[in-house]
Amino acid sequence: MMAVYKISELRGLDESELKKKLDELNLALLEAGEENPKKNREIRKAIARIKTIRNEKKSV
């Protein structure tokens, strides 16, 4: 699974697709555990990007 998403890709998605990706990343973070800190960091950043895009869309 690729955890890195570009902002431009995310902005083109609708709310349901963003929610689906957010759920997938949260699951991946749980499954990864503490075995790979670099991967966890990338997943957390991707989650933050998605949450930021969702908040931007809500405030418009």
Protein backbone atom coordinates (compact mmCIF):
# COMPACT_ATOMS: atom_id res chain seq x y z
CA MET A 1 0.00 0.00 0.00
CA MET A 2 1.27 3.40 -0.90
CA ALA A 3 0.92 5.83 1.99
CA VAL A 4 2.17 8.90 0.16
CA TYR A 5 -0.55 10.91 -1.53
CA LYS A 6 -0.01 14.18 -3.33
CA ILE A 7 -2.16 17.11 -2.27
CA SER A 8 -3.28 17.62 -5.86
CA GLU A 9 -4.55 14.03 -6.00
CA LEU A 10 -6.44 14.41 -2.74
CA ARG A 11 -8.08 17.70 -3.70
CA GLY A 12 -9.64 15.99 -6.72
CA LEU A 13 -11.41 13.38 -4.58
CA ASP A 14 -14.89 13.69 -3.13
CA GLU A 15 -15.75 13.28 0.56
CA SER A 16 -16.56 9.55 0.37
CA GLU A 17 -13.27 8.74 -1.36
CA LEU A 18 -11.33 10.78 1.21
CA LYS A 19 -13.12 8.94 4.02
CA LYS A 20 -12.26 5.59 2.43
CA LYS A 21 -8.57 6.49 2.11
CA LEU A 22 -8.53 7.80 5.68
CA ASP A 23 -10.00 4.52 6.95
CA GLU A 24 -7.44 2.52 4.96
CA LEU A 25 -4.56 4.57 6.36
CA ASN A 26 -5.81 4.27 9.94
CA LEU A 27 -5.99 0.51 9.51
CA ALA A 28 -2.50 0.43 7.99
CA LEU A 29 -1.17 2.43 10.94
CA LEU A 30 -2.66 -0.07 13.38
CA GLU A 31 -1.30 -3.03 11.44
CA ALA A 32 2.18 -1.53 11.13
CA GLY A 33 2.63 -1.29 14.88
CA GLU A 34 5.98 0.04 16.03
CA GLU A 35 8.13 -2.07 13.73
CA ASN A 36 8.89 0.64 11.17
CA PRO A 37 8.96 4.23 12.46
CA LYS A 38 9.62 5.71 9.01
CA LYS A 39 6.57 4.03 7.51
CA ASN A 40 4.45 5.10 10.50
CA ARG A 41 5.59 8.69 10.02
CA GLU A 42 4.61 8.60 6.32
CA ILE A 43 1.20 7.14 7.17
CA ARG A 44 0.58 9.78 9.86
CA LYS A 45 1.52 12.56 7.43
CA ALA A 46 -0.85 11.16 4.81
CA ILE A 47 -3.63 11.04 7.43
CA ALA A 48 -2.92 14.66 8.32
CA ARG A 49 -3.06 15.66 4.64
CA ILE A 50 -6.44 14.01 4.19
CA LYS A 51 -7.83 15.59 7.35
CA THR A 52 -6.59 18.99 6.19
CA ILE A 53 -8.26 18.61 2.80
CA ARG A 54 -11.53 17.51 4.46
CA ASN A 55 -11.48 20.54 6.76
CA GLU A 56 -10.74 22.88 3.84
CA LYS A 57 -13.71 21.50 1.93
CA LYS A 58 -16.01 21.88 4.95
CA SER A 59 -15.10 25.52 5.49
CA VAL A 60 -15.71 26.53 1.86
